[in-house]
Amino acid sequence: MAHYDHSNHPAIIKRLNRATGHLKSIVGMIEEQRPCVDIAQQLQAVENAIASAKRALINDHIDHCLVHAEEGEGTKVAVEQFRAISKYW
């Protein structure tokens, strides 16, 4: 499989690192016995951040891998890759 520049990966890493920090703070909230509503709200924020990172990764794959299919292994491999990644959409 050809490897293409994924210029969006640093931004995705930043999002995931931020979500990791929030998740660690949620553990602290639970240990401090903070209100469940506050904890649930923060969990939702982490879930949204991860979903956003996943969408960005899939869109990056489309932009950088599928677009260059003709240069690499061809359309058949690109379609197989798209089918594989789309199950995580």
N, C-alpha and C. Protein backbone atom coordinates (compact mmCIF):
# COMPACT_ATOMS: atom_id res chain seq x y z
N MET A 1 0.84 -1.18 0.00
CA MET A 1 0.00 0.00 0.00
C MET A 1 0.89 1.23 0.00
N ALA A 2 0.61 2.16 -0.86
CA ALA A 2 1.37 3.40 -0.93
C ALA A 2 1.09 4.25 0.30
N HIS A 3 2.07 5.03 0.69
CA HIS A 3 1.93 5.86 1.88
C HIS A 3 1.94 7.32 1.44
N TYR A 4 0.91 8.06 1.80
CA TYR A 4 0.79 9.45 1.40
C TYR A 4 0.87 10.36 2.62
N ASP A 5 1.26 11.59 2.39
CA ASP A 5 1.36 12.58 3.46
C ASP A 5 -0.02 12.84 4.06
N HIS A 6 -0.11 12.66 5.34
CA HIS A 6 -1.36 12.91 6.06
C HIS A 6 -1.17 14.18 6.88
N SER A 7 -1.37 15.31 6.25
CA SER A 7 -1.12 16.59 6.91
C SER A 7 -2.06 16.85 8.08
N ASN A 8 -3.18 16.16 8.13
CA ASN A 8 -4.14 16.36 9.22
C ASN A 8 -3.83 15.53 10.46
N HIS A 9 -2.91 14.60 10.37
CA HIS A 9 -2.63 13.73 11.52
C HIS A 9 -2.16 14.50 12.75
N PRO A 10 -1.29 15.52 12.63
CA PRO A 10 -0.92 16.26 13.84
C PRO A 10 -2.13 16.89 14.55
N ALA A 11 -3.09 17.39 13.80
CA ALA A 11 -4.31 17.96 14.41
C ALA A 11 -5.14 16.87 15.09
N ILE A 12 -5.18 15.71 14.50
CA ILE A 12 -5.92 14.59 15.08
C ILE A 12 -5.24 14.15 16.38
N ILE A 13 -3.93 14.11 16.37
CA ILE A 13 -3.18 13.75 17.58
C ILE A 13 -3.46 14.76 18.69
N LYS A 14 -3.50 16.04 18.34
CA LYS A 14 -3.81 17.09 19.32
C LYS A 14 -5.18 16.86 19.93
N ARG A 15 -6.17 16.56 19.09
CA ARG A 15 -7.53 16.30 19.59
C ARG A 15 -7.55 15.12 20.56
N LEU A 16 -6.85 14.06 20.19
CA LEU A 16 -6.85 12.86 21.03
C LEU A 16 -6.10 13.10 22.34
N ASN A 17 -5.02 13.86 22.28
CA ASN A 17 -4.30 14.19 23.52
C ASN A 17 -5.16 15.04 24.44
N ARG A 18 -5.92 15.95 23.87
CA ARG A 18 -6.83 16.77 24.66
C ARG A 18 -7.91 15.89 25.29
N ALA A 19 -8.45 14.97 24.52
CA ALA A 19 -9.47 14.05 25.05
C ALA A 19 -8.88 13.18 26.16
N THR A 20 -7.63 12.77 26.01
CA THR A 20 -6.96 11.98 27.05
C THR A 20 -6.88 12.77 28.34
N GLY A 21 -6.51 14.04 28.24
CA GLY A 21 -6.45 14.90 29.42
C GLY A 21 -7.80 15.04 30.10
N HIS A 22 -8.83 15.23 29.28
CA HIS A 22 -10.18 15.34 29.84
C HIS A 22 -10.61 14.04 30.51
N LEU A 23 -10.27 12.93 29.90
CA LEU A 23 -10.64 11.63 30.48
C LEU A 23 -9.96 11.43 31.83
N LYS A 24 -8.72 11.82 31.92
CA LYS A 24 -8.01 11.71 33.21
C LYS A 24 -8.67 12.59 34.27
N SER A 25 -9.12 13.77 33.85
CA SER A 25 -9.77 14.66 34.83
C SER A 25 -11.13 14.08 35.26
N ILE A 26 -11.77 13.33 34.38
CA ILE A 26 -13.04 12.69 34.74
C ILE A 26 -12.82 11.64 35.82
N VAL A 27 -11.72 10.90 35.71
CA VAL A 27 -11.39 9.92 36.75
C VAL A 27 -11.27 10.65 38.09
N GLY A 28 -10.61 11.80 38.08
CA GLY A 28 -10.49 12.60 39.30
C GLY A 28 -11.85 13.06 39.81
N MET A 29 -12.72 13.44 38.90
CA MET A 29 -14.07 13.85 39.30
C MET A 29 -14.81 12.71 40.01
N ILE A 30 -14.65 11.51 39.48
CA ILE A 30 -15.31 10.35 40.09
C ILE A 30 -14.72 10.09 41.48
N GLU A 31 -13.40 10.16 41.56
CA GLU A 31 -12.74 9.94 42.85
C GLU A 31 -13.15 11.00 43.88
N GLU A 32 -13.41 12.22 43.41
CA GLU A 32 -13.84 13.31 44.30
C GLU A 32 -15.34 13.25 44.58
N GLN A 33 -16.00 12.28 43.99
CA GLN A 33 -17.45 12.10 44.15
C GLN A 33 -18.23 13.34 43.70
N ARG A 34 -17.82 13.87 42.56
CA ARG A 34 -18.53 15.00 41.98
C ARG A 34 -19.90 14.53 41.51
N PRO A 35 -20.82 15.46 41.29
CA PRO A 35 -22.17 15.08 40.84
C PRO A 35 -22.14 14.29 39.51
N CYS A 36 -22.99 13.28 39.47
CA CYS A 36 -23.07 12.42 38.28
C CYS A 36 -23.38 13.21 37.01
N VAL A 37 -24.20 14.23 37.13
CA VAL A 37 -24.55 15.04 35.95
C VAL A 37 -23.29 15.70 35.38
N ASP A 38 -22.43 16.23 36.25
CA ASP A 38 -21.18 16.84 35.79
C ASP A 38 -20.28 15.82 35.11
N ILE A 39 -20.20 14.64 35.69
CA ILE A 39 -19.36 13.58 35.13
C ILE A 39 -19.90 13.14 33.77
N ALA A 40 -21.21 12.94 33.69
CA ALA A 40 -21.83 12.53 32.42
C ALA A 40 -21.61 13.57 31.34
N GLN A 41 -21.68 14.84 31.71
CA GLN A 41 -21.46 15.92 30.75
C GLN A 41 -20.02 15.87 30.21
N GLN A 42 -19.06 15.65 31.08
CA GLN A 42 -17.67 15.57 30.66
C GLN A 42 -17.40 14.32 29.82
N LEU A 43 -18.04 13.21 30.18
CA LEU A 43 -17.91 11.99 29.38
C LEU A 43 -18.46 12.21 27.97
N GLN A 44 -19.56 12.93 27.88
CA GLN A 44 -20.13 13.24 26.56
C GLN A 44 -19.16 14.09 25.75
N ALA A 45 -18.51 15.04 26.40
CA ALA A 45 -17.54 15.89 25.70
C ALA A 45 -16.37 15.06 25.17
N VAL A 46 -15.89 14.11 25.97
CA VAL A 46 -14.79 13.25 25.53
C VAL A 46 -15.24 12.37 24.37
N GLU A 47 -16.45 11.82 24.49
CA GLU A 47 -16.99 10.99 23.41
C GLU A 47 -17.10 11.78 22.11
N ASN A 48 -17.56 13.02 22.19
CA ASN A 48 -17.67 13.87 21.00
C ASN A 48 -16.31 14.18 20.41
N ALA A 49 -15.33 14.42 21.26
CA ALA A 49 -13.98 14.71 20.79
C ALA A 49 -13.39 13.52 20.05
N ILE A 50 -13.61 12.32 20.58
CA ILE A 50 -13.10 11.11 19.93
C ILE A 50 -13.82 10.87 18.61
N ALA A 51 -15.13 11.07 18.59
CA ALA A 51 -15.89 10.89 17.34
C ALA A 51 -15.42 11.89 16.29
N SER A 52 -15.13 13.11 16.71
CA SER A 52 -14.63 14.13 15.80
C SER A 52 -13.26 13.74 15.23
N ALA A 53 -12.40 13.19 16.07
CA ALA A 53 -11.08 12.73 15.61
C ALA A 53 -11.24 11.58 14.62
N LYS A 54 -12.19 10.69 14.90
CA LYS A 54 -12.42 9.56 14.00
C LYS A 54 -12.90 10.05 12.63
N ARG A 55 -13.84 10.99 12.63
CA ARG A 55 -14.32 11.56 11.36
C ARG A 55 -13.18 12.23 10.60
N ALA A 56 -12.36 12.96 11.30
CA ALA A 56 -11.23 13.64 10.65
C ALA A 56 -10.27 12.62 10.05
N LEU A 57 -10.02 11.53 10.77
CA LEU A 57 -9.13 10.49 10.25
C LEU A 57 -9.71 9.84 8.99
N ILE A 58 -10.99 9.53 9.01
CA ILE A 58 -11.62 8.91 7.85
C ILE A 58 -11.62 9.87 6.66
N ASN A 59 -11.95 11.13 6.91
CA ASN A 59 -11.91 12.11 5.82
C ASN A 59 -10.50 12.30 5.29
N ASP A 60 -9.52 12.26 6.18
CA ASP A 60 -8.12 12.35 5.75
C ASP A 60 -7.76 11.16 4.88
N HIS A 61 -8.25 9.99 5.24
CA HIS A 61 -8.01 8.80 4.43
C HIS A 61 -8.60 8.97 3.03
N ILE A 62 -9.81 9.48 2.97
CA ILE A 62 -10.45 9.70 1.67
C ILE A 62 -9.64 10.70 0.85
N ASP A 63 -9.26 11.81 1.49
CA ASP A 63 -8.54 12.87 0.78
C ASP A 63 -7.15 12.45 0.32
N HIS A 64 -6.44 11.65 1.11
CA HIS A 64 -5.05 11.38 0.81
C HIS A 64 -4.77 9.98 0.28
N CYS A 65 -5.62 9.04 0.57
CA CYS A 65 -5.37 7.66 0.12
C CYS A 65 -6.22 7.29 -1.10
N LEU A 66 -7.51 7.55 -1.00
CA LEU A 66 -8.38 7.16 -2.11
C LEU A 66 -8.17 8.03 -3.34
N VAL A 67 -7.89 9.29 -3.13
CA VAL A 67 -7.69 10.20 -4.24
C VAL A 67 -6.48 9.77 -5.08
N HIS A 68 -5.49 9.16 -4.42
CA HIS A 68 -4.27 8.75 -5.12
C HIS A 68 -4.30 7.29 -5.56
N ALA A 69 -5.45 6.69 -5.59
CA ALA A 69 -5.56 5.27 -5.90
C ALA A 69 -4.98 4.93 -7.27
N GLU A 70 -5.17 5.78 -8.22
CA GLU A 70 -4.66 5.52 -9.57
C GLU A 70 -3.14 5.47 -9.60
N GLU A 71 -2.50 6.20 -8.69
CA GLU A 71 -1.04 6.23 -8.64
C GLU A 71 -0.48 4.99 -7.98
N GLY A 72 -1.25 4.37 -7.10
CA GLY A 72 -0.76 3.24 -6.32
C GLY A 72 -1.26 1.92 -6.86
N GLU A 73 -1.91 1.16 -5.98
CA GLU A 73 -2.36 -0.17 -6.35
C GLU A 73 -3.61 -0.18 -7.21
N GLY A 74 -4.25 0.95 -7.37
CA GLY A 74 -5.40 1.01 -8.24
C GLY A 74 -6.73 1.09 -7.51
N THR A 75 -7.77 1.18 -8.31
CA THR A 75 -9.11 1.41 -7.81
C THR A 75 -9.62 0.27 -6.95
N LYS A 76 -9.34 -0.96 -7.33
CA LYS A 76 -9.86 -2.11 -6.58
C LYS A 76 -9.35 -2.08 -5.13
N VAL A 77 -8.09 -1.84 -4.94
CA VAL A 77 -7.53 -1.78 -3.58
C VAL A 77 -8.11 -0.59 -2.82
N ALA A 78 -8.28 0.53 -3.51
CA ALA A 78 -8.85 1.72 -2.87
C ALA A 78 -10.27 1.46 -2.39
N VAL A 79 -11.07 0.76 -3.18
CA VAL A 79 -12.44 0.44 -2.80
C VAL A 79 -12.43 -0.52 -1.60
N GLU A 80 -11.53 -1.51 -1.61
CA GLU A 80 -11.43 -2.43 -0.48
C GLU A 80 -11.05 -1.68 0.80
N GLN A 81 -10.10 -0.74 0.69
CA GLN A 81 -9.70 0.05 1.85
C GLN A 81 -10.85 0.90 2.35
N PHE A 82 -11.60 1.48 1.42
CA PHE A 82 -12.73 2.31 1.82
C PHE A 82 -13.79 1.48 2.53
N ARG A 83 -14.06 0.29 2.02
CA ARG A 83 -15.02 -0.60 2.67
C ARG A 83 -14.56 -0.94 4.08
N ALA A 84 -13.27 -1.21 4.23
CA ALA A 84 -12.74 -1.56 5.54
C ALA A 84 -12.85 -0.41 6.52
N ILE A 85 -12.51 0.80 6.11
CA ILE A 85 -12.54 1.94 7.04
C ILE A 85 -13.96 2.44 7.28
N SER A 86 -14.85 2.25 6.32
CA SER A 86 -16.22 2.77 6.46
C SER A 86 -17.01 2.05 7.54
N LYS A 87 -16.61 0.86 7.94
CA LYS A 87 -17.35 0.17 9.00
C LYS A 87 -17.14 0.85 10.34
N TYR A 88 -16.17 1.75 10.43
CA TYR A 88 -15.93 2.50 11.66
C TYR A 88 -16.58 3.87 11.66
N TRP A 89 -17.24 4.21 10.58
CA TRP A 89 -17.85 5.53 10.40
C TRP A 89 -18.85 5.74 11.44
